[in-house]
């Protein structure tokens, strides 16, 4: 396997940055909708944080499979426990929830250890391709994606990372779709409307 530099990986992935971030945002948004449905249906909160991470991973994987499965330059590799994407034959990607050190949270199976070893060749993958994780982090109250980060690591050691910015542009002109900044004008209208003051000459 190749140990590509941050700049080399960034060049290879930059045409897809917008869509990478979008599939993460939409996957997390799906979980928020499911969580809201649980509340309105009277279900109790989930007990374990890993339940949320597993659901979001599943939603991201489904979204990414649809979005990137149409691309001739991207190979999708579906496996029993995960899914991987090979971008342009150069970079292998998998999605993970990030921890406080921006590392993907993993149960250390042999397959995971092989993926986290930059020198380890993965069967069925291009031997020259680098391996990275796309990690996502939610805000402190769990209501939105705060960061989507590309991470290269050697075992538990962070080699380098970079954040996919909000203004990520793609070479083909597509990117992150705009989300509304607040409720529509007719929603959450104030109950009391303050009338504007009359001009001073009219009040006399």
N, C-alpha and C. Protein backbone atom coordinates (compact mmCIF):
# COMPACT_ATOMS: atom_id res chain seq x y z
N UNK A 1 0.84 -1.20 0.00
CA UNK A 1 0.00 0.00 0.00
C UNK A 1 0.87 1.25 0.00
N UNK A 2 0.32 2.32 -0.56
CA UNK A 2 1.06 3.57 -0.65
C UNK A 2 0.74 4.45 0.55
N UNK A 3 1.75 5.19 1.01
CA UNK A 3 1.52 6.18 2.05
C UNK A 3 1.52 7.55 1.38
N UNK A 4 0.37 7.94 0.86
CA UNK A 4 0.26 9.20 0.14
C UNK A 4 0.28 10.36 1.12
N UNK A 5 0.76 11.49 0.66
CA UNK A 5 0.78 12.67 1.49
C UNK A 5 -0.62 13.27 1.57
N UNK A 6 -0.80 14.18 2.53
CA UNK A 6 -2.08 14.86 2.66
C UNK A 6 -2.45 15.59 1.37
N UNK A 7 -1.49 16.28 0.78
CA UNK A 7 -1.77 17.03 -0.45
C UNK A 7 -2.17 16.11 -1.59
N UNK A 8 -1.54 14.95 -1.70
CA UNK A 8 -1.87 14.01 -2.76
C UNK A 8 -3.29 13.46 -2.60
N UNK A 9 -3.65 13.12 -1.37
CA UNK A 9 -5.00 12.61 -1.12
C UNK A 9 -6.03 13.71 -1.34
N UNK A 10 -5.70 14.91 -0.91
CA UNK A 10 -6.64 16.03 -1.08
C UNK A 10 -6.90 16.31 -2.55
N UNK A 11 -5.88 16.24 -3.37
CA UNK A 11 -6.06 16.44 -4.81
C UNK A 11 -6.96 15.35 -5.38
N UNK A 12 -6.76 14.10 -4.95
CA UNK A 12 -7.54 12.98 -5.47
C UNK A 12 -9.01 13.05 -5.04
N UNK A 13 -9.26 13.54 -3.82
CA UNK A 13 -10.63 13.54 -3.29
C UNK A 13 -11.37 14.85 -3.51
N UNK A 14 -10.65 15.93 -3.79
CA UNK A 14 -11.30 17.25 -3.87
C UNK A 14 -12.44 17.32 -4.88
N UNK A 15 -12.41 16.59 -6.01
CA UNK A 15 -13.56 16.65 -6.90
C UNK A 15 -14.84 16.08 -6.28
N UNK A 16 -14.70 15.35 -5.16
CA UNK A 16 -15.85 14.68 -4.54
C UNK A 16 -16.17 15.24 -3.15
N UNK A 17 -15.43 16.25 -2.71
CA UNK A 17 -15.61 16.76 -1.34
C UNK A 17 -17.06 17.11 -1.04
N UNK A 18 -17.71 17.84 -1.94
CA UNK A 18 -19.08 18.26 -1.68
C UNK A 18 -20.01 17.09 -1.47
N UNK A 19 -19.89 16.08 -2.32
CA UNK A 19 -20.76 14.91 -2.19
C UNK A 19 -20.41 14.06 -0.98
N UNK A 20 -19.13 13.98 -0.65
CA UNK A 20 -18.73 13.25 0.56
C UNK A 20 -19.40 13.88 1.78
N UNK A 21 -19.29 15.19 1.89
CA UNK A 21 -19.89 15.86 3.04
C UNK A 21 -21.41 15.73 3.02
N UNK A 22 -22.00 15.80 1.84
CA UNK A 22 -23.45 15.73 1.74
C UNK A 22 -24.00 14.38 2.21
N UNK A 23 -23.33 13.27 1.83
CA UNK A 23 -23.86 11.97 2.25
C UNK A 23 -23.76 11.82 3.77
N UNK A 24 -22.75 12.43 4.38
CA UNK A 24 -22.63 12.40 5.84
C UNK A 24 -23.75 13.22 6.48
N UNK A 25 -23.97 14.43 5.99
CA UNK A 25 -25.01 15.30 6.54
C UNK A 25 -26.39 14.64 6.40
N UNK A 26 -26.66 14.08 5.24
CA UNK A 26 -27.96 13.46 5.01
C UNK A 26 -28.14 12.20 5.86
N UNK A 27 -27.06 11.44 6.06
CA UNK A 27 -27.15 10.27 6.93
C UNK A 27 -27.47 10.65 8.36
N UNK A 28 -26.81 11.70 8.85
CA UNK A 28 -27.07 12.17 10.21
C UNK A 28 -28.48 12.75 10.32
N UNK A 29 -28.90 13.47 9.28
CA UNK A 29 -30.25 14.03 9.28
C UNK A 29 -31.31 12.93 9.33
N UNK A 30 -31.03 11.81 8.67
CA UNK A 30 -31.97 10.68 8.73
C UNK A 30 -32.13 10.20 10.17
N UNK A 31 -30.99 10.10 10.88
CA UNK A 31 -31.08 9.69 12.28
C UNK A 31 -31.90 10.68 13.10
N UNK A 32 -31.70 11.98 12.88
CA UNK A 32 -32.46 12.98 13.63
C UNK A 32 -33.95 12.83 13.40
N UNK A 33 -34.34 12.52 12.17
CA UNK A 33 -35.76 12.32 11.86
C UNK A 33 -36.30 11.07 12.55
N UNK A 34 -35.49 10.01 12.56
CA UNK A 34 -35.89 8.79 13.26
C UNK A 34 -36.02 9.05 14.76
N UNK A 35 -35.05 9.79 15.33
CA UNK A 35 -35.09 10.11 16.76
C UNK A 35 -36.32 10.94 17.09
N UNK A 36 -36.68 11.90 16.21
CA UNK A 36 -37.86 12.72 16.45
C UNK A 36 -39.12 11.87 16.39
N UNK A 37 -39.16 10.92 15.47
CA UNK A 37 -40.30 10.01 15.38
C UNK A 37 -40.43 9.17 16.64
N UNK A 38 -39.30 8.71 17.17
CA UNK A 38 -39.34 7.91 18.40
C UNK A 38 -39.95 8.72 19.54
N UNK A 39 -39.57 9.99 19.64
CA UNK A 39 -40.09 10.84 20.72
C UNK A 39 -41.59 11.04 20.56
N UNK A 40 -42.04 11.40 19.35
CA UNK A 40 -43.47 11.66 19.14
C UNK A 40 -44.31 10.39 19.27
N UNK A 41 -43.66 9.23 19.11
CA UNK A 41 -44.37 7.95 19.23
C UNK A 41 -44.34 7.40 20.64
N UNK A 42 -43.66 8.11 21.55
CA UNK A 42 -43.63 7.70 22.95
C UNK A 42 -42.58 6.67 23.29
N UNK A 43 -41.62 6.44 22.40
CA UNK A 43 -40.55 5.49 22.71
C UNK A 43 -39.51 6.17 23.59
N UNK A 44 -38.85 5.38 24.42
CA UNK A 44 -37.80 5.92 25.28
C UNK A 44 -36.53 6.14 24.46
N UNK A 45 -35.61 6.90 25.02
CA UNK A 45 -34.34 7.17 24.34
C UNK A 45 -33.53 5.89 24.23
N UNK A 46 -32.67 5.83 23.21
CA UNK A 46 -31.79 4.67 23.08
C UNK A 46 -30.80 4.67 24.24
N UNK A 47 -30.39 3.49 24.65
CA UNK A 47 -29.53 3.37 25.83
C UNK A 47 -28.06 3.63 25.53
N UNK A 48 -27.61 3.31 24.35
CA UNK A 48 -26.18 3.30 24.08
C UNK A 48 -25.82 4.23 22.92
N UNK A 49 -24.73 4.98 23.09
CA UNK A 49 -24.31 5.91 22.04
C UNK A 49 -23.91 5.16 20.77
N UNK A 50 -23.46 3.91 20.92
CA UNK A 50 -23.08 3.15 19.73
C UNK A 50 -24.28 2.85 18.84
N UNK A 51 -25.49 2.85 19.42
CA UNK A 51 -26.69 2.66 18.61
C UNK A 51 -26.82 3.78 17.59
N UNK A 52 -26.56 5.01 18.04
CA UNK A 52 -26.63 6.17 17.16
C UNK A 52 -25.55 6.07 16.09
N UNK A 53 -24.32 5.75 16.51
CA UNK A 53 -23.21 5.65 15.57
C UNK A 53 -23.48 4.58 14.52
N UNK A 54 -24.04 3.44 14.94
CA UNK A 54 -24.35 2.36 14.00
C UNK A 54 -25.42 2.78 13.01
N UNK A 55 -26.44 3.48 13.50
CA UNK A 55 -27.51 3.91 12.60
C UNK A 55 -26.97 4.92 11.58
N UNK A 56 -26.22 5.90 12.08
CA UNK A 56 -25.69 6.93 11.18
C UNK A 56 -24.76 6.29 10.15
N UNK A 57 -23.92 5.35 10.58
CA UNK A 57 -23.04 4.66 9.63
C UNK A 57 -23.85 3.97 8.54
N UNK A 58 -24.92 3.28 8.94
CA UNK A 58 -25.75 2.57 7.97
C UNK A 58 -26.37 3.54 6.97
N UNK A 59 -26.88 4.68 7.49
CA UNK A 59 -27.50 5.68 6.62
C UNK A 59 -26.47 6.30 5.67
N UNK A 60 -25.28 6.61 6.20
CA UNK A 60 -24.22 7.16 5.35
C UNK A 60 -23.83 6.16 4.27
N UNK A 61 -23.69 4.90 4.65
CA UNK A 61 -23.29 3.87 3.69
C UNK A 61 -24.32 3.73 2.58
N UNK A 62 -25.61 3.74 2.95
CA UNK A 62 -26.66 3.64 1.93
C UNK A 62 -26.63 4.85 1.00
N UNK A 63 -26.50 6.04 1.57
CA UNK A 63 -26.44 7.26 0.76
C UNK A 63 -25.23 7.24 -0.18
N UNK A 64 -24.07 6.89 0.39
CA UNK A 64 -22.84 6.90 -0.40
C UNK A 64 -22.89 5.85 -1.51
N UNK A 65 -23.51 4.73 -1.24
CA UNK A 65 -23.61 3.68 -2.25
C UNK A 65 -24.42 4.17 -3.46
N UNK A 66 -25.50 4.91 -3.18
CA UNK A 66 -26.32 5.46 -4.26
C UNK A 66 -25.57 6.56 -5.01
N UNK A 67 -24.98 7.50 -4.26
CA UNK A 67 -24.34 8.66 -4.88
C UNK A 67 -23.10 8.27 -5.67
N UNK A 68 -22.23 7.45 -5.07
CA UNK A 68 -20.96 7.14 -5.71
C UNK A 68 -21.03 5.90 -6.60
N UNK A 69 -22.10 5.11 -6.45
CA UNK A 69 -22.25 3.93 -7.29
C UNK A 69 -22.47 4.27 -8.75
N UNK A 70 -22.88 5.51 -9.01
CA UNK A 70 -23.11 5.95 -10.40
C UNK A 70 -21.84 6.45 -11.08
N UNK A 71 -20.77 6.63 -10.29
CA UNK A 71 -19.53 7.21 -10.81
C UNK A 71 -18.63 6.13 -11.42
N UNK A 72 -18.21 6.34 -12.67
CA UNK A 72 -17.32 5.39 -13.31
C UNK A 72 -15.93 5.38 -12.69
N UNK A 73 -15.55 6.49 -12.05
CA UNK A 73 -14.21 6.60 -11.47
C UNK A 73 -14.14 6.07 -10.04
N UNK A 74 -15.28 5.60 -9.51
CA UNK A 74 -15.32 5.12 -8.12
C UNK A 74 -15.82 3.68 -8.09
N UNK A 75 -15.07 2.84 -7.39
CA UNK A 75 -15.51 1.46 -7.16
C UNK A 75 -16.08 1.34 -5.76
N UNK A 76 -17.21 0.65 -5.66
CA UNK A 76 -17.86 0.42 -4.37
C UNK A 76 -17.62 -1.04 -3.98
N UNK A 77 -17.08 -1.22 -2.78
CA UNK A 77 -16.78 -2.58 -2.30
C UNK A 77 -17.64 -2.86 -1.07
N UNK A 78 -18.72 -3.63 -1.28
CA UNK A 78 -19.61 -4.00 -0.18
C UNK A 78 -19.06 -5.22 0.52
N UNK A 79 -18.91 -5.13 1.86
CA UNK A 79 -18.39 -6.23 2.65
C UNK A 79 -19.39 -6.56 3.76
N UNK A 80 -19.25 -7.71 4.41
CA UNK A 80 -20.25 -8.10 5.42
C UNK A 80 -20.44 -7.09 6.55
N UNK A 81 -19.36 -6.43 7.00
CA UNK A 81 -19.45 -5.55 8.14
C UNK A 81 -19.22 -4.08 7.79
N UNK A 82 -18.84 -3.79 6.56
CA UNK A 82 -18.54 -2.40 6.21
C UNK A 82 -18.67 -2.22 4.71
N UNK A 83 -18.39 -1.01 4.26
CA UNK A 83 -18.38 -0.70 2.83
C UNK A 83 -17.22 0.24 2.57
N UNK A 84 -16.52 0.01 1.47
CA UNK A 84 -15.36 0.83 1.12
C UNK A 84 -15.54 1.39 -0.28
N UNK A 85 -14.90 2.54 -0.51
CA UNK A 85 -14.99 3.22 -1.80
C UNK A 85 -13.58 3.50 -2.30
N UNK A 86 -13.31 3.17 -3.56
CA UNK A 86 -11.99 3.41 -4.14
C UNK A 86 -12.14 4.54 -5.16
N UNK A 87 -11.54 5.67 -4.87
CA UNK A 87 -11.65 6.87 -5.69
C UNK A 87 -10.50 6.92 -6.70
N UNK A 88 -10.86 6.77 -7.98
CA UNK A 88 -9.88 6.88 -9.05
C UNK A 88 -8.75 5.87 -8.97
N UNK A 89 -8.97 4.77 -8.26
CA UNK A 89 -7.91 3.76 -8.10
C UNK A 89 -6.77 4.22 -7.22
N UNK A 90 -6.92 5.41 -6.57
CA UNK A 90 -5.82 5.98 -5.80
C UNK A 90 -6.05 5.99 -4.29
N UNK A 91 -7.29 6.20 -3.87
CA UNK A 91 -7.57 6.37 -2.44
C UNK A 91 -8.75 5.48 -2.04
N UNK A 92 -8.54 4.67 -1.02
CA UNK A 92 -9.60 3.84 -0.45
C UNK A 92 -10.18 4.58 0.75
N UNK A 93 -11.50 4.65 0.80
CA UNK A 93 -12.18 5.44 1.83
C UNK A 93 -13.19 4.57 2.56
N UNK A 94 -13.27 4.78 3.86
CA UNK A 94 -14.40 4.25 4.63
C UNK A 94 -14.83 5.32 5.61
N UNK A 95 -16.11 5.27 6.01
CA UNK A 95 -16.70 6.29 6.87
C UNK A 95 -16.77 5.78 8.31
N UNK A 96 -16.41 6.67 9.26
CA UNK A 96 -16.45 6.31 10.68
C UNK A 96 -16.85 7.52 11.51
N UNK A 97 -17.40 7.25 12.69
CA UNK A 97 -17.60 8.31 13.68
C UNK A 97 -16.26 8.64 14.31
N UNK A 98 -15.94 9.93 14.45
CA UNK A 98 -14.65 10.33 15.00
C UNK A 98 -14.68 10.48 16.51
N UNK A 99 -13.53 10.27 17.14
CA UNK A 99 -13.42 10.49 18.58
C UNK A 99 -12.80 11.86 18.84
N UNK A 100 -12.41 12.12 20.09
CA UNK A 100 -11.87 13.43 20.45
C UNK A 100 -10.52 13.72 19.78
N UNK A 101 -9.85 12.68 19.29
CA UNK A 101 -8.57 12.86 18.60
C UNK A 101 -8.72 12.82 17.08
N UNK A 102 -9.97 12.89 16.61
CA UNK A 102 -10.27 12.83 15.17
C UNK A 102 -9.94 11.48 14.55
N UNK A 103 -9.89 10.43 15.35
CA UNK A 103 -9.66 9.09 14.85
C UNK A 103 -11.00 8.35 14.81
N UNK A 104 -11.16 7.51 13.78
CA UNK A 104 -12.37 6.71 13.71
C UNK A 104 -12.43 5.71 14.84
N UNK A 105 -13.63 5.53 15.38
CA UNK A 105 -13.82 4.56 16.46
C UNK A 105 -13.96 3.17 15.85
N UNK A 106 -13.13 2.24 16.30
CA UNK A 106 -13.10 0.91 15.71
C UNK A 106 -13.00 -0.17 16.77
N UNK A 107 -13.66 -1.29 16.51
CA UNK A 107 -13.39 -2.51 17.25
C UNK A 107 -12.21 -3.17 16.54
N UNK A 108 -11.15 -3.46 17.26
CA UNK A 108 -9.90 -3.86 16.62
C UNK A 108 -9.90 -5.32 16.19
N UNK A 109 -10.64 -5.60 15.11
CA UNK A 109 -10.57 -6.90 14.46
C UNK A 109 -9.33 -6.94 13.57
N UNK A 110 -9.00 -8.12 13.06
CA UNK A 110 -7.85 -8.23 12.18
C UNK A 110 -8.05 -7.40 10.92
N UNK A 111 -9.27 -7.38 10.41
CA UNK A 111 -9.55 -6.58 9.21
C UNK A 111 -9.32 -5.10 9.47
N UNK A 112 -9.70 -4.63 10.65
CA UNK A 112 -9.48 -3.22 11.01
C UNK A 112 -7.99 -2.95 11.14
N UNK A 113 -7.27 -3.84 11.81
CA UNK A 113 -5.83 -3.65 11.97
C UNK A 113 -5.13 -3.59 10.61
N UNK A 114 -5.57 -4.42 9.67
CA UNK A 114 -4.99 -4.40 8.33
C UNK A 114 -5.28 -3.07 7.64
N UNK A 115 -6.48 -2.55 7.84
CA UNK A 115 -6.84 -1.28 7.20
C UNK A 115 -6.03 -0.13 7.79
N UNK A 116 -5.78 -0.18 9.09
CA UNK A 116 -5.08 0.92 9.76
C UNK A 116 -3.56 0.85 9.60
N UNK A 117 -3.07 -0.20 8.99
CA UNK A 117 -1.64 -0.34 8.72
C UNK A 117 -1.38 0.15 7.29
N UNK A 118 -0.72 1.29 7.11
CA UNK A 118 -0.52 1.84 5.77
C UNK A 118 0.27 0.93 4.84
N UNK A 119 1.06 0.03 5.41
CA UNK A 119 1.89 -0.85 4.59
C UNK A 119 1.20 -2.17 4.23
N UNK A 120 0.03 -2.40 4.82
CA UNK A 120 -0.66 -3.67 4.61
C UNK A 120 -1.52 -3.60 3.35
N UNK A 121 -1.31 -4.56 2.45
CA UNK A 121 -2.11 -4.64 1.23
C UNK A 121 -3.43 -5.36 1.52
N UNK A 122 -4.52 -4.80 1.02
CA UNK A 122 -5.84 -5.41 1.21
C UNK A 122 -6.19 -6.26 -0.01
N UNK A 123 -6.58 -7.50 0.18
CA UNK A 123 -6.93 -8.36 -0.96
C UNK A 123 -8.05 -7.74 -1.80
N UNK A 124 -7.84 -7.73 -3.11
CA UNK A 124 -8.86 -7.21 -4.00
C UNK A 124 -8.83 -5.72 -4.23
N UNK A 125 -7.89 -5.03 -3.58
CA UNK A 125 -7.76 -3.58 -3.74
C UNK A 125 -6.48 -3.25 -4.48
N UNK A 126 -6.45 -2.10 -5.17
CA UNK A 126 -5.21 -1.71 -5.84
C UNK A 126 -4.06 -1.57 -4.84
N UNK A 127 -2.94 -2.26 -5.05
CA UNK A 127 -1.85 -2.22 -4.07
C UNK A 127 -1.23 -0.84 -3.92
N UNK A 128 -1.39 0.02 -4.92
CA UNK A 128 -0.80 1.37 -4.86
C UNK A 128 -1.72 2.38 -4.18
N UNK A 129 -2.95 1.98 -3.84
CA UNK A 129 -3.91 2.92 -3.27
C UNK A 129 -3.65 3.18 -1.80
N UNK A 130 -3.84 4.43 -1.39
CA UNK A 130 -3.74 4.80 0.03
C UNK A 130 -5.07 4.53 0.73
N UNK A 131 -5.04 4.39 2.05
CA UNK A 131 -6.25 4.13 2.84
C UNK A 131 -6.47 5.29 3.81
N UNK A 132 -7.68 5.84 3.79
CA UNK A 132 -8.02 6.91 4.71
C UNK A 132 -9.41 6.65 5.28
N UNK A 133 -9.71 7.37 6.36
CA UNK A 133 -11.05 7.35 6.93
C UNK A 133 -11.68 8.73 6.77
N UNK A 134 -12.97 8.75 6.47
CA UNK A 134 -13.75 9.98 6.52
C UNK A 134 -14.50 9.93 7.84
N UNK A 135 -14.11 10.76 8.79
CA UNK A 135 -14.73 10.73 10.11
C UNK A 135 -15.66 11.93 10.26
N UNK A 136 -16.76 11.69 10.96
CA UNK A 136 -17.72 12.76 11.22
C UNK A 136 -17.84 12.99 12.72
N UNK A 137 -18.08 14.24 13.06
CA UNK A 137 -18.27 14.61 14.46
C UNK A 137 -19.49 15.51 14.56
N UNK A 138 -20.38 15.20 15.51
CA UNK A 138 -21.57 16.01 15.73
C UNK A 138 -21.23 17.11 16.74
N UNK A 139 -22.10 18.11 16.81
CA UNK A 139 -21.90 19.16 17.82
C UNK A 139 -22.19 18.61 19.21
N UNK A 140 -21.96 19.43 20.23
CA UNK A 140 -22.04 18.96 21.62
C UNK A 140 -23.43 18.48 22.02
N UNK A 141 -24.47 19.01 21.37
CA UNK A 141 -25.83 18.62 21.74
C UNK A 141 -26.43 17.63 20.74
N UNK A 142 -25.62 17.18 19.80
CA UNK A 142 -26.04 16.12 18.90
C UNK A 142 -27.14 16.49 17.93
N UNK A 143 -27.16 17.73 17.49
CA UNK A 143 -28.24 18.18 16.60
C UNK A 143 -27.78 18.43 15.17
N UNK A 144 -26.47 18.37 14.91
CA UNK A 144 -25.97 18.65 13.57
C UNK A 144 -24.54 18.15 13.44
N UNK A 145 -24.14 17.91 12.20
CA UNK A 145 -22.75 17.56 11.92
C UNK A 145 -21.89 18.81 12.07
N UNK A 146 -20.84 18.70 12.86
CA UNK A 146 -19.95 19.83 13.09
C UNK A 146 -18.74 19.79 12.18
N UNK A 147 -18.19 18.59 11.95
CA UNK A 147 -17.00 18.46 11.13
C UNK A 147 -17.04 17.16 10.34
N UNK A 148 -16.52 17.21 9.13
CA UNK A 148 -16.23 16.02 8.34
C UNK A 148 -14.76 16.10 7.99
N UNK A 149 -13.98 15.10 8.39
CA UNK A 149 -12.53 15.17 8.35
C UNK A 149 -11.96 13.96 7.63
N UNK A 150 -10.99 14.19 6.76
CA UNK A 150 -10.24 13.11 6.11
C UNK A 150 -9.02 12.81 6.96
N UNK A 151 -8.85 11.55 7.33
CA UNK A 151 -7.83 11.16 8.30
C UNK A 151 -6.97 10.02 7.74
N UNK A 152 -5.66 10.16 7.87
CA UNK A 152 -4.73 9.07 7.59
C UNK A 152 -4.08 8.67 8.91
N UNK A 153 -3.98 7.39 9.14
CA UNK A 153 -3.42 6.93 10.41
C UNK A 153 -2.56 5.69 10.22
N UNK A 154 -1.74 5.46 11.23
CA UNK A 154 -0.94 4.25 11.32
C UNK A 154 -1.27 3.64 12.66
N UNK A 155 -2.17 2.66 12.66
CA UNK A 155 -2.67 2.11 13.91
C UNK A 155 -3.41 3.18 14.68
N UNK A 156 -2.99 3.43 15.92
CA UNK A 156 -3.63 4.46 16.74
C UNK A 156 -2.96 5.82 16.61
N UNK A 157 -2.03 5.95 15.68
CA UNK A 157 -1.31 7.20 15.49
C UNK A 157 -1.90 7.98 14.33
N UNK A 158 -2.22 9.25 14.57
CA UNK A 158 -2.70 10.12 13.51
C UNK A 158 -1.51 10.60 12.69
N UNK A 159 -1.52 10.30 11.39
CA UNK A 159 -0.45 10.76 10.51
C UNK A 159 -0.72 12.19 10.04
N UNK A 160 -1.94 12.45 9.60
CA UNK A 160 -2.36 13.79 9.21
C UNK A 160 -3.88 13.79 9.04
N UNK A 161 -4.44 14.97 8.98
CA UNK A 161 -5.88 15.09 8.75
C UNK A 161 -6.17 16.46 8.16
N UNK A 162 -7.27 16.56 7.44
CA UNK A 162 -7.75 17.86 6.99
C UNK A 162 -9.27 17.86 6.97
N UNK A 163 -9.81 19.03 7.20
CA UNK A 163 -11.26 19.19 7.28
C UNK A 163 -11.83 19.52 5.91
N UNK A 164 -12.95 18.87 5.57
CA UNK A 164 -13.68 19.23 4.36
C UNK A 164 -14.51 20.46 4.70
N UNK A 165 -14.17 21.59 4.11
CA UNK A 165 -14.78 22.86 4.48
C UNK A 165 -16.20 22.97 3.95
N UNK A 166 -16.95 23.90 4.57
CA UNK A 166 -18.33 24.12 4.17
C UNK A 166 -18.44 24.61 2.74
N UNK A 167 -17.42 25.33 2.27
CA UNK A 167 -17.48 25.89 0.92
C UNK A 167 -16.77 25.00 -0.09
N UNK A 168 -16.73 23.68 0.23
CA UNK A 168 -16.04 22.75 -0.67
C UNK A 168 -16.66 22.79 -2.05
N UNK A 169 -15.82 23.01 -3.05
CA UNK A 169 -16.27 23.04 -4.43
C UNK A 169 -15.83 21.76 -5.12
N UNK A 170 -16.59 21.37 -6.12
CA UNK A 170 -16.25 20.19 -6.89
C UNK A 170 -15.95 20.59 -8.32
N UNK A 171 -15.07 19.83 -8.95
CA UNK A 171 -14.66 20.16 -10.31
C UNK A 171 -15.81 20.06 -11.30
N UNK A 172 -16.81 19.20 -10.99
CA UNK A 172 -17.91 19.03 -11.93
C UNK A 172 -19.05 20.01 -11.65
N UNK A 173 -18.84 20.92 -10.70
CA UNK A 173 -19.84 21.96 -10.45
C UNK A 173 -20.87 21.59 -9.41
N UNK A 174 -20.91 20.34 -8.96
CA UNK A 174 -21.85 19.99 -7.92
C UNK A 174 -21.17 20.08 -6.58
N UNK A 175 -21.94 20.28 -5.54
CA UNK A 175 -21.34 20.42 -4.22
C UNK A 175 -22.36 20.23 -3.15
N UNK A 176 -22.11 20.78 -1.98
CA UNK A 176 -23.05 20.65 -0.87
C UNK A 176 -24.28 21.48 -1.17
N UNK A 177 -25.41 20.85 -1.05
CA UNK A 177 -26.65 21.58 -1.28
C UNK A 177 -26.91 22.54 -0.14
N UNK A 178 -27.43 23.74 -0.42
CA UNK A 178 -27.68 24.69 0.66
C UNK A 178 -28.82 24.22 1.55
N UNK A 179 -28.67 24.40 2.84
CA UNK A 179 -29.72 24.09 3.79
C UNK A 179 -30.29 25.39 4.32
N UNK A 180 -31.60 25.44 4.60
CA UNK A 180 -32.19 26.68 5.11
C UNK A 180 -31.57 27.07 6.43
N UNK A 181 -31.32 28.36 6.60
CA UNK A 181 -30.67 28.84 7.82
C UNK A 181 -31.63 28.93 8.98
N UNK A 182 -32.91 28.93 8.72
CA UNK A 182 -33.90 29.03 9.79
C UNK A 182 -35.26 28.64 9.28
N UNK A 183 -36.31 28.75 10.09
CA UNK A 183 -37.64 28.36 9.66
C UNK A 183 -38.16 29.26 8.56
N UNK A 184 -39.12 28.75 7.81
CA UNK A 184 -39.75 29.54 6.77
C UNK A 184 -40.48 30.72 7.41
N UNK A 185 -40.74 31.80 6.64
CA UNK A 185 -41.31 33.02 7.23
C UNK A 185 -42.61 32.80 7.97
N UNK A 186 -43.44 31.83 7.52
CA UNK A 186 -44.74 31.63 8.16
C UNK A 186 -44.67 30.76 9.40
N UNK A 187 -43.52 30.12 9.65
CA UNK A 187 -43.39 29.23 10.80
C UNK A 187 -42.95 30.01 12.04
N UNK A 188 -43.43 29.56 13.19
CA UNK A 188 -43.01 30.11 14.47
C UNK A 188 -43.20 31.63 14.51
N UNK A 189 -44.30 32.11 13.93
CA UNK A 189 -44.56 33.55 13.95
C UNK A 189 -44.78 34.00 15.38
N UNK A 190 -44.33 35.20 15.76
CA UNK A 190 -44.51 35.67 17.13
C UNK A 190 -45.99 35.87 17.45
N UNK A 191 -46.36 35.59 18.68
CA UNK A 191 -47.75 35.76 19.10
C UNK A 191 -48.10 37.22 19.26
N UNK A 192 -47.15 38.04 19.60
CA UNK A 192 -47.39 39.47 19.78
C UNK A 192 -46.58 40.22 18.73
N UNK A 193 -47.26 41.06 17.98
CA UNK A 193 -46.59 41.85 16.97
C UNK A 193 -46.52 43.29 17.45
N UNK A 194 -45.33 43.82 17.53
CA UNK A 194 -45.14 45.20 17.98
C UNK A 194 -45.30 46.12 16.79
N UNK A 195 -46.23 47.07 16.91
CA UNK A 195 -46.47 48.00 15.82
C UNK A 195 -45.35 49.05 15.80
N UNK A 196 -44.95 49.46 14.61
CA UNK A 196 -43.91 50.49 14.54
C UNK A 196 -44.42 51.82 15.08
N UNK A 197 -43.53 52.61 15.65
CA UNK A 197 -43.90 53.92 16.20
C UNK A 197 -44.31 54.85 15.07
N UNK A 198 -45.31 55.68 15.34
CA UNK A 198 -45.70 56.69 14.36
C UNK A 198 -44.66 57.80 14.33
N UNK A 199 -44.54 58.44 13.20
CA UNK A 199 -43.63 59.61 13.16
C UNK A 199 -44.04 60.63 14.21
N UNK A 200 -43.05 61.34 14.73
CA UNK A 200 -43.29 62.25 15.86
C UNK A 200 -44.35 63.31 15.52
N UNK A 201 -44.38 63.77 14.27
CA UNK A 201 -45.32 64.82 13.93
C UNK A 201 -46.77 64.34 13.96
N UNK A 202 -46.98 62.99 13.77
CA UNK A 202 -48.34 62.48 13.80
C UNK A 202 -48.83 62.24 15.22
N UNK A 203 -47.92 62.07 16.15
CA UNK A 203 -48.33 61.76 17.52
C UNK A 203 -48.71 62.99 18.30
N UNK A 204 -48.46 64.17 17.77
CA UNK A 204 -48.78 65.39 18.50
C UNK A 204 -50.18 65.85 18.19
